[in-house]
Amino acid sequence: MGALWIAHVTVTDEEAYGKYAKLATAAIAEHGGTFIARGGRYVQLEGKERPRNVVARFPSVEAAEACYRSETYQEALSHARGASERELVIVETNE
């Protein structure tokens, strides 16, 4: 079963978050992830609005979680902390 990595983000420091994005992109690719949505138009229907929404597809929940726990992603995350407010969830797909 595949998995989706879904992030909702409010960026508070563009420069630091840019460093995060560069490293996170590499980490996601290293774990077989591909972006299917990255900061495009959205319609907020419920919950807390976040102006940046990102969805990446992974081969499995395990691959997505391994990406999150990887050294490369944790280094990326060190730039996002303090530079953004975020929610991140991994959801298994029916594919």
N, C-alpha and C. Protein backbone atom coordinates (compact mmCIF):
# COMPACT_ATOMS: atom_id res chain seq x y z
N MET A 1 0.84 -1.18 0.00
CA MET A 1 0.00 0.00 0.00
C MET A 1 0.89 1.24 0.00
N GLY A 2 0.52 2.22 -0.80
CA GLY A 2 1.23 3.48 -0.84
C GLY A 2 0.86 4.35 0.35
N ALA A 3 1.47 5.51 0.41
CA ALA A 3 1.20 6.44 1.50
C ALA A 3 1.34 7.87 1.00
N LEU A 4 0.59 8.75 1.64
CA LEU A 4 0.70 10.19 1.39
C LEU A 4 1.24 10.87 2.63
N TRP A 5 2.16 11.78 2.41
CA TRP A 5 2.74 12.63 3.45
C TRP A 5 2.07 13.97 3.24
N ILE A 6 1.29 14.42 4.19
CA ILE A 6 0.49 15.64 4.03
C ILE A 6 0.92 16.64 5.09
N ALA A 7 1.40 17.79 4.62
CA ALA A 7 1.87 18.84 5.52
C ALA A 7 1.06 20.11 5.29
N HIS A 8 0.71 20.76 6.38
CA HIS A 8 0.04 22.07 6.35
C HIS A 8 0.97 23.02 7.10
N VAL A 9 1.37 24.12 6.44
CA VAL A 9 2.46 24.94 6.96
C VAL A 9 2.15 26.43 6.88
N THR A 10 2.52 27.15 7.92
CA THR A 10 2.61 28.61 7.89
C THR A 10 4.08 28.94 8.07
N VAL A 11 4.68 29.55 7.07
CA VAL A 11 6.10 29.92 7.12
C VAL A 11 6.23 31.27 7.82
N THR A 12 7.13 31.32 8.80
CA THR A 12 7.37 32.57 9.54
C THR A 12 8.75 33.15 9.26
N ASP A 13 9.64 32.37 8.65
CA ASP A 13 10.99 32.83 8.29
C ASP A 13 11.33 32.20 6.94
N GLU A 14 11.15 32.97 5.87
CA GLU A 14 11.33 32.46 4.50
C GLU A 14 12.74 31.93 4.25
N GLU A 15 13.75 32.64 4.74
CA GLU A 15 15.14 32.23 4.48
C GLU A 15 15.45 30.87 5.11
N ALA A 16 15.14 30.72 6.38
CA ALA A 16 15.40 29.46 7.07
C ALA A 16 14.54 28.35 6.47
N TYR A 17 13.30 28.66 6.13
CA TYR A 17 12.43 27.63 5.57
C TYR A 17 12.92 27.19 4.19
N GLY A 18 13.53 28.09 3.46
CA GLY A 18 14.12 27.72 2.17
C GLY A 18 15.20 26.67 2.33
N LYS A 19 15.99 26.77 3.39
CA LYS A 19 17.02 25.75 3.68
C LYS A 19 16.35 24.42 3.99
N TYR A 20 15.28 24.47 4.79
CA TYR A 20 14.52 23.25 5.08
C TYR A 20 14.03 22.61 3.78
N ALA A 21 13.40 23.40 2.91
CA ALA A 21 12.79 22.87 1.69
C ALA A 21 13.82 22.17 0.81
N LYS A 22 14.99 22.76 0.69
CA LYS A 22 16.04 22.15 -0.15
C LYS A 22 16.45 20.79 0.39
N LEU A 23 16.73 20.71 1.68
CA LEU A 23 17.14 19.45 2.29
C LEU A 23 16.00 18.44 2.34
N ALA A 24 14.79 18.90 2.62
CA ALA A 24 13.64 18.00 2.70
C ALA A 24 13.35 17.38 1.34
N THR A 25 13.49 18.16 0.28
CA THR A 25 13.28 17.64 -1.08
C THR A 25 14.23 16.47 -1.35
N ALA A 26 15.48 16.62 -0.97
CA ALA A 26 16.46 15.54 -1.16
C ALA A 26 16.08 14.31 -0.33
N ALA A 27 15.70 14.52 0.93
CA ALA A 27 15.35 13.40 1.80
C ALA A 27 14.14 12.64 1.25
N ILE A 28 13.15 13.37 0.79
CA ILE A 28 11.95 12.74 0.26
C ILE A 28 12.29 11.91 -0.97
N ALA A 29 13.09 12.45 -1.86
CA ALA A 29 13.50 11.71 -3.06
C ALA A 29 14.30 10.46 -2.69
N GLU A 30 15.18 10.57 -1.70
CA GLU A 30 16.01 9.43 -1.26
C GLU A 30 15.16 8.26 -0.78
N HIS A 31 13.94 8.54 -0.33
CA HIS A 31 13.07 7.50 0.22
C HIS A 31 11.93 7.15 -0.74
N GLY A 32 12.08 7.49 -2.00
CA GLY A 32 11.10 7.11 -3.01
C GLY A 32 9.88 8.00 -3.07
N GLY A 33 9.94 9.15 -2.42
CA GLY A 33 8.80 10.06 -2.41
C GLY A 33 8.80 10.99 -3.62
N THR A 34 7.61 11.33 -4.07
CA THR A 34 7.44 12.30 -5.16
C THR A 34 6.35 13.27 -4.76
N PHE A 35 6.55 14.53 -5.12
CA PHE A 35 5.56 15.55 -4.78
C PHE A 35 4.39 15.48 -5.76
N ILE A 36 3.17 15.54 -5.21
CA ILE A 36 1.99 15.63 -6.07
C ILE A 36 1.26 16.95 -5.86
N ALA A 37 1.57 17.66 -4.80
CA ALA A 37 1.06 19.02 -4.56
C ALA A 37 2.09 19.72 -3.69
N ARG A 38 2.37 20.98 -4.07
CA ARG A 38 3.40 21.69 -3.32
C ARG A 38 3.12 23.19 -3.39
N GLY A 39 2.29 23.67 -2.45
CA GLY A 39 2.06 25.09 -2.32
C GLY A 39 1.11 25.70 -3.33
N GLY A 40 0.32 24.89 -4.01
CA GLY A 40 -0.61 25.43 -5.01
C GLY A 40 -1.88 26.01 -4.40
N ARG A 41 -2.81 26.33 -5.28
CA ARG A 41 -4.10 26.86 -4.83
C ARG A 41 -4.80 25.86 -3.92
N TYR A 42 -5.56 26.37 -2.98
CA TYR A 42 -6.31 25.51 -2.08
C TYR A 42 -7.58 26.23 -1.64
N VAL A 43 -8.52 25.47 -1.11
CA VAL A 43 -9.74 26.01 -0.53
C VAL A 43 -9.84 25.42 0.88
N GLN A 44 -9.79 26.26 1.90
CA GLN A 44 -9.88 25.81 3.29
C GLN A 44 -11.35 25.67 3.65
N LEU A 45 -11.79 24.48 3.96
CA LEU A 45 -13.19 24.25 4.31
C LEU A 45 -13.41 24.08 5.81
N GLU A 46 -12.44 23.49 6.49
CA GLU A 46 -12.55 23.28 7.94
C GLU A 46 -11.16 23.36 8.55
N GLY A 47 -11.12 23.58 9.85
CA GLY A 47 -9.86 23.56 10.58
C GLY A 47 -9.03 24.81 10.40
N LYS A 48 -7.83 24.75 10.96
CA LYS A 48 -6.90 25.88 10.94
C LYS A 48 -6.31 26.05 9.55
N GLU A 49 -6.40 27.25 9.03
CA GLU A 49 -5.86 27.53 7.70
C GLU A 49 -4.34 27.66 7.76
N ARG A 50 -3.68 27.01 6.84
CA ARG A 50 -2.23 27.13 6.65
C ARG A 50 -2.02 27.45 5.18
N PRO A 51 -1.29 28.50 4.84
CA PRO A 51 -1.18 28.93 3.44
C PRO A 51 -0.31 28.04 2.56
N ARG A 52 0.46 27.13 3.14
CA ARG A 52 1.29 26.23 2.32
C ARG A 52 0.87 24.79 2.64
N ASN A 53 0.50 24.08 1.60
CA ASN A 53 0.07 22.69 1.74
C ASN A 53 0.88 21.83 0.79
N VAL A 54 1.42 20.74 1.32
CA VAL A 54 2.31 19.88 0.54
C VAL A 54 1.85 18.44 0.68
N VAL A 55 1.81 17.74 -0.45
CA VAL A 55 1.47 16.31 -0.45
C VAL A 55 2.54 15.59 -1.25
N ALA A 56 3.13 14.57 -0.64
CA ALA A 56 4.10 13.72 -1.33
C ALA A 56 3.61 12.28 -1.27
N ARG A 57 3.84 11.56 -2.35
CA ARG A 57 3.46 10.14 -2.42
C ARG A 57 4.70 9.30 -2.15
N PHE A 58 4.54 8.28 -1.29
CA PHE A 58 5.61 7.35 -0.97
C PHE A 58 5.15 5.92 -1.28
N PRO A 59 6.10 5.01 -1.46
CA PRO A 59 5.72 3.62 -1.75
C PRO A 59 4.98 2.93 -0.60
N SER A 60 5.20 3.41 0.63
CA SER A 60 4.57 2.78 1.80
C SER A 60 4.61 3.74 2.99
N VAL A 61 3.82 3.44 4.00
CA VAL A 61 3.86 4.20 5.25
C VAL A 61 5.26 4.09 5.85
N GLU A 62 5.84 2.90 5.77
CA GLU A 62 7.17 2.68 6.35
C GLU A 62 8.23 3.54 5.66
N ALA A 63 8.14 3.67 4.34
CA ALA A 63 9.10 4.51 3.60
C ALA A 63 8.95 5.98 4.00
N ALA A 64 7.71 6.43 4.15
CA ALA A 64 7.47 7.82 4.55
C ALA A 64 7.98 8.07 5.97
N GLU A 65 7.73 7.13 6.86
CA GLU A 65 8.20 7.30 8.23
C GLU A 65 9.72 7.22 8.31
N ALA A 66 10.33 6.34 7.52
CA ALA A 66 11.79 6.24 7.47
C ALA A 66 12.38 7.56 6.97
N CYS A 67 11.72 8.19 6.01
CA CYS A 67 12.17 9.49 5.52
C CYS A 67 12.16 10.49 6.67
N TYR A 68 11.05 10.57 7.40
CA TYR A 68 10.93 11.52 8.50
C TYR A 68 12.03 11.31 9.53
N ARG A 69 12.34 10.08 9.83
CA ARG A 69 13.32 9.77 10.87
C ARG A 69 14.77 9.79 10.36
N SER A 70 14.96 9.97 9.05
CA SER A 70 16.30 9.93 8.47
C SER A 70 17.14 11.12 8.92
N GLU A 71 18.45 10.93 8.86
CA GLU A 71 19.39 11.98 9.24
C GLU A 71 19.20 13.21 8.35
N THR A 72 19.01 12.98 7.06
CA THR A 72 18.84 14.10 6.12
C THR A 72 17.60 14.91 6.45
N TYR A 73 16.47 14.24 6.71
CA TYR A 73 15.25 14.98 7.00
C TYR A 73 15.34 15.66 8.36
N GLN A 74 15.94 15.02 9.33
CA GLN A 74 16.07 15.64 10.64
C GLN A 74 16.94 16.90 10.57
N GLU A 75 17.97 16.87 9.71
CA GLU A 75 18.76 18.08 9.49
C GLU A 75 17.89 19.16 8.86
N ALA A 76 17.08 18.78 7.88
CA ALA A 76 16.16 19.74 7.25
C ALA A 76 15.22 20.32 8.30
N LEU A 77 14.67 19.45 9.12
CA LEU A 77 13.71 19.87 10.13
C LEU A 77 14.30 20.88 11.11
N SER A 78 15.59 20.80 11.33
CA SER A 78 16.22 21.76 12.24
C SER A 78 16.09 23.19 11.71
N HIS A 79 15.95 23.35 10.39
CA HIS A 79 15.75 24.68 9.80
C HIS A 79 14.28 25.11 9.85
N ALA A 80 13.37 24.14 9.85
CA ALA A 80 11.94 24.45 9.86
C ALA A 80 11.46 24.86 11.26
N ARG A 81 12.06 24.26 12.27
CA ARG A 81 11.68 24.62 13.64
C ARG A 81 12.04 26.08 13.89
N GLY A 82 11.10 26.84 14.38
CA GLY A 82 11.33 28.25 14.60
C GLY A 82 11.11 29.10 13.35
N ALA A 83 10.95 28.43 12.19
CA ALA A 83 10.74 29.15 10.93
C ALA A 83 9.35 28.86 10.36
N SER A 84 8.58 28.04 11.10
CA SER A 84 7.26 27.67 10.60
C SER A 84 6.41 27.07 11.71
N GLU A 85 5.12 27.07 11.45
CA GLU A 85 4.15 26.32 12.27
C GLU A 85 3.61 25.26 11.33
N ARG A 86 3.59 24.00 11.77
CA ARG A 86 3.29 22.91 10.84
C ARG A 86 2.49 21.80 11.49
N GLU A 87 1.76 21.12 10.65
CA GLU A 87 1.19 19.83 10.99
C GLU A 87 1.62 18.87 9.89
N LEU A 88 1.94 17.64 10.25
CA LEU A 88 2.38 16.64 9.28
C LEU A 88 1.74 15.32 9.64
N VAL A 89 1.18 14.66 8.65
CA VAL A 89 0.57 13.35 8.86
C VAL A 89 0.92 12.44 7.69
N ILE A 90 1.08 11.16 7.96
CA ILE A 90 1.27 10.15 6.92
C ILE A 90 -0.01 9.31 6.89
N VAL A 91 -0.56 9.16 5.69
CA VAL A 91 -1.83 8.43 5.53
C VAL A 91 -1.63 7.32 4.51
N GLU A 92 -1.99 6.09 4.87
CA GLU A 92 -1.92 4.98 3.92
C GLU A 92 -3.00 5.15 2.85
N THR A 93 -2.64 4.86 1.61
CA THR A 93 -3.60 4.95 0.51
C THR A 93 -4.20 3.58 0.22
N ASN A 94 -5.25 3.57 -0.56
CA ASN A 94 -5.89 2.32 -0.95
C ASN A 94 -5.30 1.74 -2.24
N GLU A 95 -4.24 2.33 -2.72
CA GLU A 95 -3.62 1.89 -3.99
C GLU A 95 -2.67 0.74 -3.77
